Amino acid sequence: MLQRETFHANEVIFRELDSDRKLYFIIDGKVNLKHIRTKTVIKELGADESFGEIGFFSGQMRCCTAKSV
């Protein structure tokens, strides 16, 4: 089941070590995946990209923080 969510600029979508199991697809805008402990941006994602697959498929805790740009 798909559910549309809208995030404003600089809004945290999920945090490192959260345990939710959502998979996200970006329709419009950008998202930064950031490792909080090292303050490193791992990747910036844009339209037609997805993220959150590790938690979705494996049930593991989030390994980074996702924040809208």
Protein backbone atom coordinates (compact mmCIF):
# COMPACT_ATOMS: atom_id res chain seq x y z
CA MET A 1 0.00 0.00 0.00
CA LEU A 2 1.42 3.36 -1.04
CA GLN A 3 0.86 6.53 0.92
CA ARG A 4 1.86 10.02 -0.22
CA GLU A 5 3.75 12.18 2.30
CA THR A 6 4.94 15.76 1.88
CA PHE A 7 7.94 17.21 3.68
CA HIS A 8 9.01 20.85 3.95
CA ALA A 9 12.58 22.05 3.46
CA ASN A 10 14.97 20.97 6.24
CA GLU A 11 12.48 18.51 7.72
CA VAL A 12 13.81 15.23 9.14
CA ILE A 13 12.13 12.27 7.44
CA PHE A 14 13.79 9.68 9.68
CA ARG A 15 16.72 9.65 12.08
CA GLU A 16 19.72 7.40 12.38
CA LEU A 17 18.87 4.41 14.62
CA ASP A 18 15.07 4.74 14.08
CA SER A 19 13.39 1.39 13.56
CA ASP A 20 10.54 2.23 11.18
CA ARG A 21 10.11 0.11 8.05
CA LYS A 22 9.07 2.62 5.40
CA LEU A 23 10.48 2.79 1.90
CA TYR A 24 10.44 6.23 0.26
CA PHE A 25 10.22 7.27 -3.42
CA ILE A 26 11.00 10.88 -4.28
CA ILE A 27 8.53 12.46 -6.68
CA ASP A 28 9.88 16.00 -6.49
CA GLY A 29 12.60 17.76 -4.48
CA LYS A 30 15.80 16.52 -2.88
CA VAL A 31 16.80 14.53 0.19
CA ASN A 32 20.18 14.38 1.93
CA LEU A 33 21.26 11.15 3.59
CA LYS A 34 23.58 12.13 6.42
CA HIS A 35 25.66 10.16 8.90
CA ILE A 36 25.10 12.15 12.09
CA ARG A 37 28.02 10.82 14.15
CA THR A 38 30.56 11.90 11.52
CA LYS A 39 28.46 14.83 10.18
CA THR A 40 29.01 13.53 6.65
CA VAL A 41 26.50 13.83 3.82
CA ILE A 42 26.52 10.38 2.25
CA LYS A 43 24.42 11.23 -0.77
CA GLU A 44 21.93 13.73 -2.13
CA LEU A 45 18.95 12.14 -3.84
CA GLY A 46 16.43 13.67 -6.25
CA ALA A 47 13.29 12.91 -8.22
CA ASP A 48 12.69 9.28 -9.24
CA GLU A 49 15.13 7.94 -6.63
CA SER A 50 14.31 5.90 -3.53
CA PHE A 51 15.74 5.46 -0.04
CA GLY A 52 15.01 3.56 3.17
CA GLU A 53 15.33 0.14 1.57
CA ILE A 54 17.67 -1.29 4.21
CA GLY A 55 15.14 -0.78 7.01
CA PHE A 56 12.23 -1.78 4.79
CA PHE A 57 13.63 -5.11 3.62
CA SER A 58 15.79 -6.15 6.58
CA GLY A 59 14.07 -4.58 9.58
CA GLN A 60 17.41 -3.15 10.75
CA MET A 61 17.62 0.28 12.38
CA ARG A 62 18.30 3.25 10.12
CA CYS A 63 22.01 3.73 9.43
CA CYS A 64 21.71 7.44 8.55
CA THR A 65 19.40 10.42 8.86
CA ALA A 66 17.23 11.48 5.91
CA LYS A 67 16.44 15.19 5.67
CA SER A 68 14.59 17.13 2.97
CA VAL A 69 16.54 19.87 1.22
